[in-house]
Amino acid sequence: MTETGETMIGLIGRKIGMTQVYSEKGMLYPVTVLEVGPCPVVQIMSRDGQDNYNALKLGYWQSDKISKPLMGIFKKVNVPGMKVLCEFHIDDIGEYKTGMVLKADVFKVGEKVLVRGTTKGRGFSSVIKRHKFKGGDHTHGCQSQIVPGSIGASSDPSRVYKGKKLPGHYGAENHTVKNLEVLMVDPEKNIIFVKGAVPGARNGIVYVTKQQ
């Protein structure tokens, strides 16, 4: 975040996978490989205009399967149809124009980035997997290995409290990881290597934003 509370410029991309790299000092780091961009500028929001804030709307993942209203927006700025759109709030929009294409060279080695993504969907899961419950004894005759146990008293309050940890849908939620360091940048392939793990499965869409 900047001093004014606005986020820095970022790009839309996808998660390719994870690997390991050695530093110059021989340290081994786990890294996530991200393809970021190319992202054309589809729209520019201005604080001086009717939008009342500065931001860039970027596109990613060229596709012909776009609705007619959206395709009309792309044709106005002479940009091919994009499947994913996202706004990035920035302080200075003066150096950007609609149709301009942003690539991986936006990021520099050593910078800190924030990565947003969607975690893997696990479907309907028990409390053991979803909430890390211990479960019952795995012994002969025990029939409560994966059940949550007692969830309420019989007479008082005679109901289950809201927010009680129970089995249910697990995963497929928006998640953000901060302070990931950029270790390598390949502008030709629009690929960056960030230290650590990011949310999501392979080929999942991620939003990478600079941090200050």
Protein backbone atom coordinates (compact mmCIF):
# COMPACT_ATOMS: atom_id res chain seq x y z
CA MET A 1 0.00 0.00 0.00
CA THR A 2 1.13 3.55 -0.67
CA GLU A 3 1.08 6.46 1.77
CA THR A 4 -2.31 7.49 0.37
CA GLY A 5 -3.75 4.04 0.96
CA GLU A 6 -3.84 3.06 -2.72
CA THR A 7 -2.26 -0.08 -4.06
CA MET A 8 0.61 -0.09 -6.54
CA ILE A 9 0.46 -1.29 -10.13
CA GLY A 10 0.02 -5.02 -10.67
CA LEU A 11 -0.72 -7.63 -13.32
CA ILE A 12 -3.07 -10.54 -13.87
CA GLY A 13 -1.55 -13.95 -14.50
CA ARG A 14 -1.71 -17.64 -13.82
CA LYS A 15 0.12 -20.06 -11.56
CA ILE A 16 2.37 -22.41 -13.53
CA GLY A 17 3.66 -24.44 -10.59
CA MET A 18 6.39 -24.66 -7.94
CA THR A 19 10.08 -25.49 -8.07
CA GLN A 20 13.36 -24.73 -6.26
CA VAL A 21 16.18 -22.31 -7.05
CA TYR A 22 19.59 -21.67 -5.52
CA SER A 23 20.72 -18.18 -4.57
CA GLU A 24 24.20 -16.83 -5.27
CA LYS A 25 25.15 -17.79 -1.70
CA GLY A 26 24.04 -21.37 -2.22
CA MET A 27 20.75 -21.10 -0.31
CA LEU A 28 17.89 -23.26 -1.63
CA TYR A 29 14.51 -21.51 -1.86
CA PRO A 30 11.07 -22.86 -2.74
CA VAL A 31 9.59 -20.66 -5.47
CA THR A 32 6.33 -20.35 -7.36
CA VAL A 33 6.48 -19.76 -11.11
CA LEU A 34 3.90 -17.24 -12.32
CA GLU A 35 3.05 -16.14 -15.83
CA VAL A 36 2.03 -12.48 -15.56
CA GLY A 37 0.69 -10.66 -18.59
CA PRO A 38 0.68 -9.51 -21.23
CA CYS A 39 -2.11 -7.31 -19.87
CA PRO A 40 -3.53 -4.55 -22.10
CA VAL A 41 -4.99 -1.44 -20.48
CA VAL A 42 -8.71 -1.63 -21.21
CA GLN A 43 -9.87 1.42 -19.25
CA ILE A 44 -8.40 4.25 -17.17
CA MET A 45 -10.31 5.59 -14.17
CA SER A 46 -9.46 9.12 -13.07
CA ARG A 47 -9.96 10.90 -9.76
CA ASP A 48 -10.65 14.10 -11.70
CA GLY A 49 -13.39 12.44 -13.75
CA GLN A 50 -16.67 10.80 -12.83
CA ASP A 51 -14.94 7.78 -11.26
CA ASN A 52 -13.43 9.75 -8.32
CA TYR A 53 -10.42 7.41 -8.08
CA ASN A 54 -7.30 6.55 -10.04
CA ALA A 55 -7.10 3.02 -11.39
CA LEU A 56 -6.26 0.91 -14.41
CA LYS A 57 -8.55 -1.83 -15.69
CA LEU A 58 -6.36 -4.56 -17.17
CA GLY A 59 -7.30 -7.59 -19.22
CA TYR A 60 -5.79 -11.07 -19.43
CA TRP A 61 -6.36 -14.34 -21.31
CA GLN A 62 -7.39 -13.54 -24.89
CA SER A 63 -10.61 -15.25 -25.92
CA ASP A 64 -13.31 -15.03 -28.60
CA LYS A 65 -16.02 -16.22 -26.21
CA ILE A 66 -16.87 -12.77 -24.85
CA SER A 67 -20.33 -11.28 -24.39
CA LYS A 68 -21.37 -8.61 -26.88
CA PRO A 69 -21.49 -5.76 -24.30
CA LEU A 70 -17.93 -6.53 -23.16
CA MET A 71 -16.69 -6.96 -26.72
CA GLY A 72 -17.98 -3.46 -27.48
CA ILE A 73 -15.73 -2.09 -24.71
CA PHE A 74 -12.71 -3.90 -26.13
CA LYS A 75 -13.38 -2.68 -29.69
CA LYS A 76 -13.49 0.94 -28.52
CA VAL A 77 -9.88 0.75 -27.36
CA ASN A 78 -8.77 -1.61 -30.16
CA VAL A 79 -8.00 -4.48 -27.77
CA PRO A 80 -8.85 -8.16 -28.42
CA GLY A 81 -11.43 -9.79 -26.17
CA MET A 82 -10.10 -10.68 -22.72
CA LYS A 83 -11.57 -13.34 -20.44
CA VAL A 84 -10.34 -11.83 -17.13
CA LEU A 85 -10.58 -8.17 -16.07
CA CYS A 86 -9.28 -6.53 -12.92
CA GLU A 87 -8.80 -3.00 -11.60
CA PHE A 88 -5.53 -1.92 -9.98
CA HIS A 89 -5.63 1.31 -7.96
CA ILE A 90 -2.55 3.49 -8.47
CA ASP A 91 -1.45 7.03 -7.59
CA ASP A 92 -0.26 8.28 -10.99
CA ILE A 93 -2.12 7.36 -14.19
CA GLY A 94 -0.39 9.95 -16.38
CA GLU A 95 2.07 7.52 -18.00
CA TYR A 96 -0.60 5.01 -19.08
CA LYS A 97 -2.88 4.97 -22.13
CA THR A 98 -5.68 2.64 -23.22
CA GLY A 99 -4.36 -0.12 -25.44
CA MET A 100 -0.92 -0.07 -23.82
CA VAL A 101 0.31 -3.59 -23.00
CA LEU A 102 1.96 -4.22 -19.62
CA LYS A 103 4.34 -7.17 -19.28
CA ALA A 104 6.42 -8.92 -16.64
CA ASP A 105 9.13 -6.24 -16.74
CA VAL A 106 6.79 -4.18 -14.51
CA PHE A 107 8.33 -6.18 -11.63
CA LYS A 108 11.97 -6.05 -10.56
CA VAL A 109 14.12 -8.58 -8.73
CA GLY A 110 14.04 -7.96 -4.98
CA GLU A 111 10.63 -6.30 -4.93
CA LYS A 112 7.89 -7.43 -2.58
CA VAL A 113 4.56 -8.42 -4.10
CA LEU A 114 1.09 -9.34 -2.91
CA VAL A 115 -0.61 -12.30 -4.61
CA ARG A 116 -4.36 -12.96 -4.58
CA GLY A 117 -5.86 -16.22 -5.77
CA THR A 118 -8.54 -18.84 -5.18
CA THR A 119 -7.64 -21.81 -3.02
CA LYS A 120 -8.18 -25.36 -4.24
CA GLY A 121 -11.74 -26.60 -3.87
CA ARG A 122 -11.99 -29.65 -1.58
CA GLY A 123 -15.74 -30.24 -1.84
CA PHE A 124 -17.76 -31.38 1.18
CA SER A 125 -15.27 -32.22 3.93
CA SER A 126 -15.45 -33.51 7.49
CA VAL A 127 -14.37 -31.55 10.54
CA ILE A 128 -11.11 -33.52 10.56
CA LYS A 129 -10.02 -32.06 7.23
CA ARG A 130 -11.88 -28.77 7.37
CA HIS A 131 -11.17 -27.67 10.95
CA LYS A 132 -8.31 -29.98 11.99
CA PHE A 133 -10.34 -31.78 14.67
CA LYS A 134 -8.65 -34.74 16.32
CA GLY A 135 -11.53 -37.15 15.84
CA GLY A 136 -12.40 -40.22 17.84
CA ASP A 137 -10.16 -43.10 18.85
CA HIS A 138 -9.13 -45.40 16.02
CA THR A 139 -9.77 -48.50 18.08
CA HIS A 140 -11.98 -51.56 17.77
CA GLY A 141 -15.63 -50.68 18.33
CA CYS A 142 -15.24 -46.88 18.07
CA GLN A 143 -17.77 -45.42 15.63
CA SER A 144 -16.91 -41.72 15.98
CA GLN A 145 -13.62 -41.30 14.11
CA ILE A 146 -14.72 -38.37 11.92
CA VAL A 147 -17.83 -36.98 13.64
CA PRO A 148 -17.67 -33.55 15.36
CA GLY A 149 -18.91 -34.90 18.71
CA SER A 150 -21.39 -33.10 20.94
CA ILE A 151 -22.54 -29.85 19.34
CA GLY A 152 -24.96 -28.58 22.00
CA ALA A 153 -26.53 -29.26 25.39
CA SER A 154 -29.85 -31.08 25.70
CA SER A 155 -31.81 -28.62 27.84
CA ASP A 156 -29.90 -25.34 27.82
CA PRO A 157 -29.57 -23.66 25.35
CA SER A 158 -31.37 -26.43 23.40
CA ARG A 159 -29.88 -25.25 20.14
CA VAL A 160 -26.62 -25.12 18.21
CA TYR A 161 -24.73 -21.84 18.43
CA LYS A 162 -24.11 -19.91 15.22
CA GLY A 163 -20.60 -20.37 13.88
CA LYS A 164 -20.20 -23.87 15.26
CA LYS A 165 -17.46 -25.72 13.38
CA LEU A 166 -19.18 -28.46 11.41
CA PRO A 167 -18.64 -30.44 8.20
CA GLY A 168 -19.27 -28.50 5.00
CA HIS A 169 -17.78 -26.95 1.89
CA TYR A 170 -14.02 -26.54 2.15
CA GLY A 171 -11.73 -24.48 -0.08
CA ALA A 172 -12.48 -22.47 -3.25
CA GLU A 173 -12.12 -19.21 -1.30
CA ASN A 174 -10.28 -16.00 -2.07
CA HIS A 175 -6.93 -15.87 -0.30
CA THR A 176 -4.11 -13.32 -0.21
CA VAL A 177 -0.42 -13.83 0.53
CA LYS A 178 1.72 -10.75 1.29
CA ASN A 179 5.43 -9.94 1.26
CA LEU A 180 6.52 -12.45 -1.37
CA GLU A 181 9.93 -11.57 -2.80
CA VAL A 182 10.54 -11.59 -6.56
CA LEU A 183 13.65 -13.71 -7.14
CA MET A 184 13.76 -13.87 -10.95
CA VAL A 185 12.09 -12.10 -13.90
CA ASP A 186 11.96 -13.34 -17.51
CA PRO A 187 10.46 -10.48 -19.59
CA GLU A 188 10.56 -12.44 -22.85
CA LYS A 189 8.33 -15.22 -21.50
CA ASN A 190 6.41 -12.97 -19.07
CA ILE A 191 7.40 -15.19 -16.18
CA ILE A 192 8.42 -14.27 -12.63
CA PHE A 193 9.65 -16.45 -9.76
CA VAL A 194 8.38 -15.50 -6.30
CA LYS A 195 9.73 -16.89 -3.05
CA GLY A 196 7.22 -19.10 -1.28
CA ALA A 197 3.79 -20.49 -2.11
CA VAL A 198 0.73 -18.76 -3.54
CA PRO A 199 -2.92 -19.87 -3.33
CA GLY A 200 -4.56 -21.93 -6.03
CA ALA A 201 -3.99 -24.89 -8.29
CA ARG A 202 -1.89 -25.02 -11.44
CA ASN A 203 -3.18 -22.69 -14.16
CA GLY A 204 -5.30 -20.88 -11.58
CA ILE A 205 -5.75 -17.13 -12.08
CA VAL A 206 -3.71 -14.91 -9.75
CA TYR A 207 -3.49 -11.15 -9.24
CA VAL A 208 0.04 -9.91 -8.49
CA THR A 209 0.43 -6.41 -7.03
CA LYS A 210 3.54 -4.48 -6.05
CA GLN A 211 4.01 -3.62 -2.38
CA GLN A 212 5.81 -0.60 -0.98
